[in-house]
Amino acid sequence: MKLNERQACQLLGLAAPTTPEAARKAYRKLARQHHPDHGGDEERFKQISVAYHYLVEYYNSSSSTSPSAQSSKTSRRGRDTYTRNPDAQAKSKSTQSQQKQQKTADQSKTYQKEDHRQAWRQWREQVDRNTESQTKQRSTESQEKNNQKKQTKAKQQTAHDQSTHQHRPEQDSEPPHQAHNQEVVEASVVPSFGDSVKRWSEELGDRISVVSENLSQKFNRWYRKSARSLFEKGNNEKLRLDLDLTTLLYGKQIRIAVNRLVPCPKCQQENGQARKDPETPAALWADGCQRCNSSGRIQQREELSIYVPPGADKGHQLKVNAKGSAGLNGSSDGDLTLILTPETLPKGFRRNGADLELRQAVSASLLARGGVLKVHTLRGTVNVKIPKNFQSGKKLLIPEQGFPVWNNPEQSGTLTLCLIARSQA
């Protein structure tokens, strides 16, 4: 690769002419960037190395042959000749020899590094070639083994077919009546472990269901004859009741329809009255009754009139005695529990027990000058006086404009009015 000073400087990214120090810095920077060990381009690294060595040799040779260097040498030589000082001559010669030795050592170190890198690349290439050849050899051996196996299987299949073909004439030569008289045997498949476990589990489930059914029948017979079933108390029932705002504020008498269980008129009543016998279980009377399906009770719709007091909130309940499921054989009836669910409040209102909070937007001029504001509460319209220079976000308390207190309807909660300027609302 032939180079000149300008091309070498271009490869190192320098402008010609340059100095050895600048060439050395540029070379080190590009070498770290393009070195093959760091993932760089090997060809680019070679070009950079050649350009750097060329510039080093070029500037060393030019410095030794420049007129200034020659004049200095001539003047030094003349001065040494004029002075005739042997010690100075010996000192200059030793200095020149040391410089030459240092230059030779630097060049040898550079060449040694290049040799080591070249040897490392050759070793990597040899390892890659050996690995590739081993891989090809293994694949070839595996293909040969597969071919041998296929050939062996083909030979065995051919031998089997020939042996079968040889025995066929003897079978075909048998008379037809002997072929019809041969016994046909059905072979059963040997079950696996999973099939056996599945069959055992199905058999065990069938046996458990039979046993549980027998036990339940025995328990029912024992319970009907025992003293525990003499008096069967009715169960408690629950019903959800939705309430409107009028009912929440003032209370109301409400009529509701309830489907409750009552004694069966066929098996649990006699002459229009409920049967009572302290020695006979009520379940025995219900045995075989088709109207109640042996349960002793039937479903019947009843209408109830209930007064709901004002101030009801979410979670409140009302209890109606003896309006749940009916008891048998003179036992007490269950209770009916009404779960009260209030209606959703209008927009802007928020409830906290019996107290209410209302956020209302007003004009900033009204807050500044003050005046009277009409407020629409749940109970009606109220005129509220607003003081002057009232700040946005402050609250006013309006008494007796909340909900009635639960279980104390004579007292009512407070309405908290929060005024917000329209620009901030």
Protein backbone atom coordinates (compact mmCIF):
# COMPACT_ATOMS: atom_id res chain seq x y z
CA MET A 1 0.00 0.00 0.00
CA LYS A 2 1.76 3.19 -1.25
CA LEU A 3 1.03 6.40 0.60
CA ASN A 4 2.11 10.01 0.67
CA GLU A 5 1.90 12.52 3.50
CA ARG A 6 -1.51 13.90 2.50
CA GLN A 7 -3.15 10.43 2.17
CA ALA A 8 -1.70 9.28 5.49
CA CYS A 9 -3.02 12.38 7.24
CA GLN A 10 -6.46 11.85 5.70
CA LEU A 11 -6.57 8.27 7.02
CA LEU A 12 -5.82 9.57 10.52
CA GLY A 13 -8.29 12.43 10.17
CA LEU A 14 -5.61 15.15 10.21
CA ALA A 15 -4.74 18.05 7.95
CA ALA A 16 -1.35 17.89 6.19
CA PRO A 17 1.25 18.83 7.24
CA THR A 18 1.08 17.76 10.89
CA THR A 19 3.39 16.89 13.81
CA PRO A 20 4.44 13.48 15.18
CA GLU A 21 2.67 14.22 18.46
CA ALA A 22 -0.66 14.96 16.73
CA ALA A 23 -0.29 11.83 14.58
CA ARG A 24 0.34 9.73 17.69
CA LYS A 25 -2.78 11.06 19.46
CA ALA A 26 -4.97 10.51 16.40
CA TYR A 27 -3.62 7.00 15.96
CA ARG A 28 -4.33 6.01 19.57
CA LYS A 29 -7.86 7.36 19.36
CA LEU A 30 -8.69 5.56 16.10
CA ALA A 31 -6.93 2.36 17.24
CA ARG A 32 -9.16 2.11 20.31
CA GLN A 33 -12.19 2.69 18.11
CA HIS A 34 -11.40 0.28 15.24
CA HIS A 35 -9.41 -2.44 17.05
CA PRO A 36 -10.73 -5.95 16.18
CA ASP A 37 -10.71 -6.98 19.85
CA HIS A 38 -13.27 -4.26 20.54
CA GLY A 39 -15.52 -5.14 17.60
CA GLY A 40 -13.89 -2.82 15.05
CA ASP A 41 -13.08 -3.31 11.38
CA GLU A 42 -9.84 -5.19 10.89
CA GLU A 43 -9.13 -3.70 7.42
CA ARG A 44 -9.66 -0.17 8.72
CA PHE A 45 -7.34 -0.87 11.64
CA LYS A 46 -4.61 -2.04 9.24
CA GLN A 47 -4.92 1.14 7.15
CA ILE A 48 -4.65 3.32 10.27
CA SER A 49 -1.54 1.44 11.47
CA VAL A 50 0.18 1.72 8.07
CA ALA A 51 -0.59 5.45 7.86
CA TYR A 52 0.74 6.11 11.37
CA HIS A 53 4.01 4.20 10.80
CA TYR A 54 4.45 5.97 7.49
CA LEU A 55 4.11 9.40 9.10
CA VAL A 56 6.51 8.47 11.94
CA GLU A 57 9.19 7.33 9.50
CA TYR A 58 8.47 10.28 7.19
CA TYR A 59 8.84 12.92 9.90
CA ASN A 60 11.90 11.23 11.42
CA SER A 61 13.65 11.12 8.04
CA SER A 62 12.61 14.68 7.18
CA SER A 63 13.84 16.01 10.53
CA SER A 64 17.24 14.33 10.00
CA THR A 65 17.60 15.68 6.41
CA SER A 66 16.19 19.20 6.98
CA PRO A 67 18.55 22.21 6.41
CA SER A 68 18.20 23.33 10.01
CA ALA A 69 19.27 19.92 11.28
CA GLN A 70 22.22 19.81 8.83
CA SER A 71 23.30 23.34 9.75
CA SER A 72 23.12 22.48 13.42
CA LYS A 73 25.18 19.36 12.83
CA THR A 74 27.70 21.34 10.73
CA SER A 75 27.99 24.10 13.29
CA ARG A 76 28.33 21.58 16.06
CA ARG A 77 30.92 19.70 14.06
CA GLY A 78 32.80 22.92 13.30
CA ARG A 79 32.58 24.06 16.89
CA ASP A 80 33.87 20.71 18.06
CA THR A 81 36.65 20.87 15.49
CA TYR A 82 37.49 24.45 16.39
CA THR A 83 37.51 23.80 20.09
CA ARG A 84 39.28 20.48 19.69
CA ASN A 85 37.56 19.18 22.84
CA PRO A 86 37.68 15.35 22.90
CA ASP A 87 35.25 15.13 25.87
CA ALA A 88 32.53 16.99 23.99
CA GLN A 89 33.04 14.80 20.96
CA ALA A 90 32.69 11.64 23.03
CA LYS A 91 29.58 13.00 24.79
CA SER A 92 27.88 13.89 21.49
CA LYS A 93 28.65 10.48 20.05
CA SER A 94 27.21 8.70 23.11
CA THR A 95 24.06 10.84 22.93
CA GLN A 96 23.58 10.01 19.26
CA SER A 97 24.05 6.30 19.91
CA GLN A 98 21.50 6.38 22.77
CA GLN A 99 18.96 8.11 20.54
CA LYS A 100 19.47 5.49 17.82
CA GLN A 101 19.09 2.67 20.36
CA GLN A 102 15.88 4.22 21.76
CA LYS A 103 14.43 4.59 18.26
CA THR A 104 15.33 0.99 17.41
CA ALA A 105 13.74 -0.22 20.68
CA ASP A 106 10.51 1.70 19.99
CA GLN A 107 10.29 0.29 16.49
CA SER A 108 10.94 -3.25 17.77
CA LYS A 109 8.19 -2.87 20.41
CA THR A 110 5.73 -1.69 17.77
CA TYR A 111 6.64 -4.56 15.48
CA GLN A 112 6.33 -7.04 18.38
CA LYS A 113 2.80 -5.78 19.17
CA GLU A 114 1.81 -6.13 15.53
CA ASP A 115 3.29 -9.63 15.47
CA HIS A 116 1.36 -10.64 18.58
CA ARG A 117 -1.91 -9.33 17.13
CA GLN A 118 -1.27 -11.08 13.83
CA ALA A 119 -0.52 -14.34 15.64
CA TRP A 120 -3.68 -14.00 17.75
CA ARG A 121 -5.78 -13.49 14.59
CA GLN A 122 -4.21 -16.51 12.93
CA TRP A 123 -4.91 -18.62 16.03
CA ARG A 124 -8.58 -17.52 16.08
CA GLU A 125 -8.97 -18.31 12.39
CA GLN A 126 -7.43 -21.75 12.93
CA VAL A 127 -9.79 -22.46 15.86
CA ASP A 128 -12.82 -21.42 13.77
CA ARG A 129 -11.71 -23.65 10.91
CA ASN A 130 -11.22 -26.62 13.25
CA THR A 131 -14.63 -26.09 14.85
CA GLU A 132 -16.34 -25.88 11.47
CA SER A 133 -14.63 -29.04 10.25
CA GLN A 134 -15.62 -30.93 13.43
CA THR A 135 -19.24 -29.83 13.03
CA LYS A 136 -19.32 -30.99 9.42
CA GLN A 137 -17.76 -34.31 10.39
CA ARG A 138 -20.35 -34.91 13.12
CA SER A 139 -23.23 -34.10 10.81
CA THR A 140 -21.81 -36.47 8.19
CA GLU A 141 -21.47 -39.27 10.76
CA SER A 142 -25.04 -38.76 12.00
CA GLN A 143 -26.35 -38.91 8.42
CA GLU A 144 -24.42 -42.13 7.79
CA LYS A 145 -25.85 -43.69 10.95
CA ASN A 146 -29.40 -42.73 9.96
CA ASN A 147 -28.88 -44.21 6.50
CA GLN A 148 -27.60 -47.45 8.02
CA LYS A 149 -30.63 -47.68 10.31
CA LYS A 150 -32.99 -47.09 7.39
CA GLN A 151 -31.26 -49.78 5.34
CA THR A 152 -31.45 -52.25 8.26
CA LYS A 153 -35.17 -51.58 8.74
CA ALA A 154 -35.78 -51.99 5.02
CA LYS A 155 -33.98 -55.36 5.00
CA GLN A 156 -35.97 -56.57 8.02
CA GLN A 157 -39.26 -55.50 6.45
CA THR A 158 -38.36 -57.24 3.20
CA ALA A 159 -37.49 -60.47 5.04
CA HIS A 160 -40.77 -60.29 7.01
CA ASP A 161 -42.81 -59.79 3.83
CA GLN A 162 -41.10 -62.76 2.14
CA SER A 163 -41.77 -65.05 5.12
CA THR A 164 -45.45 -64.00 5.21
CA HIS A 165 -45.80 -64.60 1.48
CA GLN A 166 -44.35 -68.09 1.85
CA HIS A 167 -46.94 -69.10 4.49
CA ARG A 168 -49.95 -67.74 2.61
CA PRO A 169 -50.36 -70.67 0.17
CA GLU A 170 -50.71 -73.11 3.06
CA GLN A 171 -53.47 -70.98 4.59
CA ASP A 172 -55.21 -70.55 1.24
CA SER A 173 -55.01 -74.29 0.57
CA GLU A 174 -57.22 -75.04 3.58
CA PRO A 175 -60.74 -76.09 2.65
CA PRO A 176 -63.47 -73.54 3.13
CA HIS A 177 -65.41 -75.57 5.70
CA GLN A 178 -62.41 -75.60 8.05
CA ALA A 179 -62.09 -71.83 7.76
CA HIS A 180 -65.75 -71.39 8.82
CA ASN A 181 -65.34 -73.70 11.82
CA GLN A 182 -62.45 -71.73 13.30
CA GLU A 183 -63.23 -70.02 16.64
CA VAL A 184 -63.07 -66.24 16.78
CA VAL A 185 -61.60 -64.90 20.05
CA GLU A 186 -62.03 -61.31 21.16
CA ALA A 187 -58.95 -59.80 22.79
CA SER A 188 -59.37 -57.18 25.48
CA VAL A 189 -57.12 -54.19 25.81
CA VAL A 190 -54.94 -54.15 28.90
CA PRO A 191 -55.96 -51.01 30.88
CA SER A 192 -53.33 -48.53 31.90
CA PHE A 193 -52.82 -47.29 35.42
CA GLY A 194 -54.78 -44.10 34.71
CA ASP A 195 -57.73 -46.08 33.32
CA SER A 196 -57.74 -48.32 36.39
CA VAL A 197 -57.73 -45.34 38.76
CA LYS A 198 -60.58 -43.72 36.82
CA ARG A 199 -62.67 -46.93 36.98
CA TRP A 200 -61.97 -47.34 40.72
CA SER A 201 -62.95 -43.72 41.40
CA GLU A 202 -66.24 -44.14 39.50
CA GLU A 203 -67.08 -47.31 41.43
CA LEU A 204 -66.19 -45.62 44.73
CA GLY A 205 -68.35 -42.58 43.86
CA ASP A 206 -71.33 -44.81 43.07
CA ARG A 207 -70.96 -46.67 46.36
CA ILE A 208 -70.63 -43.42 48.34
CA SER A 209 -73.77 -41.98 46.71
CA VAL A 210 -75.75 -45.12 47.57
CA VAL A 211 -74.52 -45.09 51.16
CA SER A 212 -75.26 -41.37 51.60
CA GLU A 213 -78.77 -41.81 50.19
CA ASN A 214 -79.46 -44.67 52.61
CA LEU A 215 -78.10 -42.64 55.53
CA SER A 216 -80.24 -39.62 54.63
CA GLN A 217 -83.35 -41.77 54.45
CA LYS A 218 -82.55 -43.33 57.83
CA PHE A 219 -81.88 -39.90 59.33
CA ASN A 220 -85.18 -38.52 58.03
CA ARG A 221 -87.07 -41.47 59.49
CA TRP A 222 -85.31 -41.06 62.82
CA TYR A 223 -85.89 -37.28 62.85
CA ARG A 224 -89.60 -37.63 62.15
CA LYS A 225 -89.96 -40.05 65.05
CA SER A 226 -87.70 -38.14 67.45
CA ALA A 227 -88.73 -35.46 69.93
CA ARG A 228 -86.71 -32.81 68.09
CA SER A 229 -89.27 -32.56 65.32
CA LEU A 230 -92.25 -32.24 67.63
CA PHE A 231 -92.24 -28.46 67.42
CA GLU A 232 -90.74 -26.82 64.33
CA LYS A 233 -90.15 -23.09 64.80
CA GLY A 234 -90.50 -20.81 61.78
CA ASN A 235 -87.45 -19.23 60.13
CA ASN A 236 -86.65 -15.52 60.10
CA GLU A 237 -86.95 -13.80 56.71
CA LYS A 238 -85.41 -10.63 55.20
CA LEU A 239 -86.83 -8.19 52.67
CA ARG A 240 -85.36 -5.08 51.01
CA LEU A 241 -87.47 -1.91 51.13
CA ASP A 242 -86.69 1.17 48.95
CA LEU A 243 -87.61 4.57 50.40
CA ASP A 244 -88.17 7.92 48.62
CA LEU A 245 -87.20 11.39 49.91
CA THR A 246 -90.68 12.12 51.26
CA THR A 247 -90.58 9.03 53.44
CA LEU A 248 -87.05 9.88 54.60
CA LEU A 249 -88.08 13.40 55.64
CA TYR A 250 -91.56 12.93 57.08
CA GLY A 251 -92.15 9.17 57.49
CA LYS A 252 -94.94 7.21 55.84
CA GLN A 253 -97.37 4.31 56.20
CA ILE A 254 -96.43 1.80 53.49
CA ARG A 255 -98.26 -1.28 52.24
CA ILE A 256 -96.02 -4.15 51.12
CA ALA A 257 -96.69 -7.65 49.76
CA VAL A 258 -94.79 -10.59 51.29
CA ASN A 259 -94.57 -14.20 50.17
CA ARG A 260 -94.33 -16.20 53.41
CA LEU A 261 -94.58 -19.88 54.30
CA VAL A 262 -97.73 -20.83 56.19
CA PRO A 263 -98.89 -24.23 57.53
CA CYS A 264 -100.30 -26.56 54.91
CA PRO A 265 -104.12 -26.51 55.16
CA LYS A 266 -104.32 -30.20 54.21
CA CYS A 267 -101.87 -31.85 56.61
CA GLN A 268 -101.18 -29.20 59.28
CA GLN A 269 -104.73 -27.95 59.85
CA GLU A 270 -107.83 -29.63 61.14
CA ASN A 271 -111.28 -28.05 60.95
CA GLY A 272 -109.72 -24.76 59.84
CA GLN A 273 -107.35 -24.57 62.80
CA ALA A 274 -103.67 -25.49 63.19
CA ARG A 275 -103.04 -28.98 64.54
CA LYS A 276 -101.33 -29.26 67.91
CA ASP A 277 -100.18 -32.44 69.57
CA PRO A 278 -97.32 -32.41 72.10
CA GLU A 279 -96.67 -36.13 71.53
CA THR A 280 -96.71 -36.33 67.72
CA PRO A 281 -94.08 -34.72 65.46
CA ALA A 282 -95.44 -32.36 62.84
CA ALA A 283 -93.29 -34.10 60.21
CA LEU A 284 -95.34 -37.27 60.51
CA TRP A 285 -98.48 -35.39 59.53
CA ALA A 286 -96.74 -34.13 56.38
CA ASP A 287 -95.62 -37.58 55.19
CA GLY A 288 -97.17 -38.31 51.82
CA CYS A 289 -98.87 -34.90 51.48
CA GLN A 290 -98.86 -33.94 47.82
CA ARG A 291 -99.91 -30.35 48.33
CA CYS A 292 -96.84 -29.36 50.38
CA ASN A 293 -94.54 -32.15 49.08
CA SER A 294 -94.12 -33.50 52.65
CA SER A 295 -92.67 -30.19 53.88
CA GLY A 296 -95.64 -29.11 56.02
CA ARG A 297 -95.72 -25.56 54.62
CA ILE A 298 -96.94 -23.81 51.48
CA GLN A 299 -96.17 -20.34 50.12
CA GLN A 300 -98.83 -17.68 50.52
CA ARG A 301 -98.91 -13.98 49.54
CA GLU A 302 -99.86 -11.51 52.25
CA GLU A 303 -100.13 -7.72 52.33
CA LEU A 304 -98.79 -5.80 55.32
CA SER A 305 -99.18 -2.13 56.33
CA ILE A 306 -96.01 -0.82 57.97
CA TYR A 307 -95.15 2.65 59.26
CA VAL A 308 -91.61 3.75 58.38
CA PRO A 309 -90.38 6.54 60.70
CA PRO A 310 -88.49 9.52 59.20
CA GLY A 311 -84.70 9.83 59.14
CA ALA A 312 -83.95 6.35 57.81
CA ASP A 313 -80.40 5.89 56.49
CA LYS A 314 -78.50 3.12 54.75
CA GLY A 315 -78.09 0.15 57.10
CA HIS A 316 -81.18 0.82 59.20
CA GLN A 317 -83.63 -2.04 59.65
CA LEU A 318 -87.21 -2.56 60.79
CA LYS A 319 -88.34 -5.75 62.47
CA VAL A 320 -91.89 -7.11 62.04
CA ASN A 321 -92.68 -9.82 64.58
CA ALA A 322 -94.26 -13.13 63.59
CA LYS A 323 -94.29 -12.33 59.86
CA GLY A 324 -91.57 -14.75 58.78
CA SER A 325 -92.08 -18.47 58.12
CA ALA A 326 -94.88 -20.02 60.13
CA GLY A 327 -94.16 -22.51 62.90
CA LEU A 328 -95.71 -26.02 63.03
CA ASN A 329 -97.48 -27.87 65.80
CA GLY A 330 -98.13 -24.72 67.83
CA SER A 331 -94.52 -23.40 67.60
CA SER A 332 -93.81 -19.65 67.21
CA ASP A 333 -93.49 -17.98 63.82
CA GLY A 334 -90.32 -16.38 62.55
CA ASP A 335 -89.74 -12.63 62.24
CA LEU A 336 -89.57 -10.44 59.12
CA THR A 337 -86.64 -7.98 58.88
CA LEU A 338 -86.98 -5.03 56.47
CA ILE A 339 -83.64 -3.66 55.19
CA LEU A 340 -84.18 0.04 54.41
CA THR A 341 -82.52 1.46 51.26
CA PRO A 342 -82.79 5.29 50.92
CA GLU A 343 -83.18 7.03 47.58
CA THR A 344 -80.15 8.76 46.04
CA LEU A 345 -79.93 12.44 46.99
CA PRO A 346 -80.16 15.21 44.35
CA LYS A 347 -76.99 16.58 42.79
CA GLY A 348 -74.95 18.78 45.10
CA PHE A 349 -76.23 17.26 48.37
CA ARG A 350 -74.18 15.01 50.61
CA ARG A 351 -75.45 13.30 53.75
CA ASN A 352 -73.68 12.69 57.05
CA GLY A 353 -76.18 11.06 59.37
CA ALA A 354 -78.97 13.60 59.95
CA ASP A 355 -76.85 16.51 58.64
CA LEU A 356 -76.68 17.64 55.03
CA GLU A 357 -74.07 19.54 53.02
CA LEU A 358 -74.83 21.55 49.87
CA ARG A 359 -72.29 23.09 47.47
CA GLN A 360 -73.78 25.97 45.47
CA ALA A 361 -72.16 28.24 42.86
CA VAL A 362 -72.82 32.00 43.13
CA SER A 363 -71.49 35.12 41.42
CA ALA A 364 -68.36 36.79 42.74
CA SER A 365 -70.18 40.16 42.89
CA LEU A 366 -72.77 38.72 45.30
CA LEU A 367 -70.01 37.48 47.58
CA ALA A 368 -68.35 40.91 47.49
CA ARG A 369 -71.38 43.13 48.11
CA GLY A 370 -73.48 40.66 50.14
CA GLY A 371 -77.22 40.17 49.92
CA VAL A 372 -80.00 37.57 50.07
CA LEU A 373 -79.69 34.21 48.28
CA LYS A 374 -82.53 31.77 47.60
CA VAL A 375 -81.46 28.22 48.44
CA HIS A 376 -83.50 25.19 47.36
CA THR A 377 -83.27 22.63 50.16
CA LEU A 378 -84.92 19.21 50.40
CA ARG A 379 -87.73 20.74 52.47
CA GLY A 380 -88.31 23.79 50.24
CA THR A 381 -86.86 27.24 49.41
CA VAL A 382 -85.01 29.22 52.07
CA ASN A 383 -83.73 32.82 51.89
CA VAL A 384 -80.18 33.04 53.25
CA LYS A 385 -78.47 36.35 54.08
CA ILE A 386 -74.87 36.55 52.86
CA PRO A 387 -72.55 39.04 54.62
CA LYS A 388 -70.28 41.43 52.71
CA ASN A 389 -66.84 40.35 51.48
CA PHE A 390 -67.73 36.69 51.96
CA GLN A 391 -64.84 34.49 50.79
CA SER A 392 -65.39 31.69 48.31
CA GLY A 393 -65.28 28.24 49.92
CA LYS A 394 -66.56 29.33 53.34
CA LYS A 395 -69.64 27.67 54.85
CA LEU A 396 -72.92 28.83 56.36
CA LEU A 397 -75.03 26.76 58.78
CA ILE A 398 -78.81 26.60 58.27
CA PRO A 399 -80.55 24.90 61.23
CA GLU A 400 -83.49 22.50 61.00
CA GLN A 401 -82.92 21.87 57.27
CA GLY A 402 -81.40 18.38 57.54
CA PHE A 403 -83.01 14.97 58.01
CA PRO A 404 -84.89 14.03 61.18
CA VAL A 405 -82.85 12.11 63.73
CA TRP A 406 -83.52 8.35 63.59
CA ASN A 407 -85.69 7.22 66.52
CA ASN A 408 -86.06 10.89 67.56
CA PRO A 409 -88.03 12.63 64.79
CA GLU A 410 -88.61 15.81 66.84
CA GLN A 411 -84.98 16.81 66.23
CA SER A 412 -83.56 17.59 62.78
CA GLY A 413 -80.07 17.94 61.44
CA THR A 414 -78.29 21.03 60.08
CA LEU A 415 -77.74 22.04 56.45
CA THR A 416 -74.19 23.23 55.74
CA LEU A 417 -74.13 25.63 52.75
CA CYS A 418 -70.77 25.96 50.96
CA LEU A 419 -70.67 28.93 48.52
CA ILE A 420 -68.27 28.71 45.57
CA ALA A 421 -67.62 31.56 43.12
CA ARG A 422 -68.63 30.61 39.57
CA SER A 423 -65.11 31.08 38.21
CA GLN A 424 -63.89 28.45 40.71
CA ALA A 425 -66.90 26.11 40.55
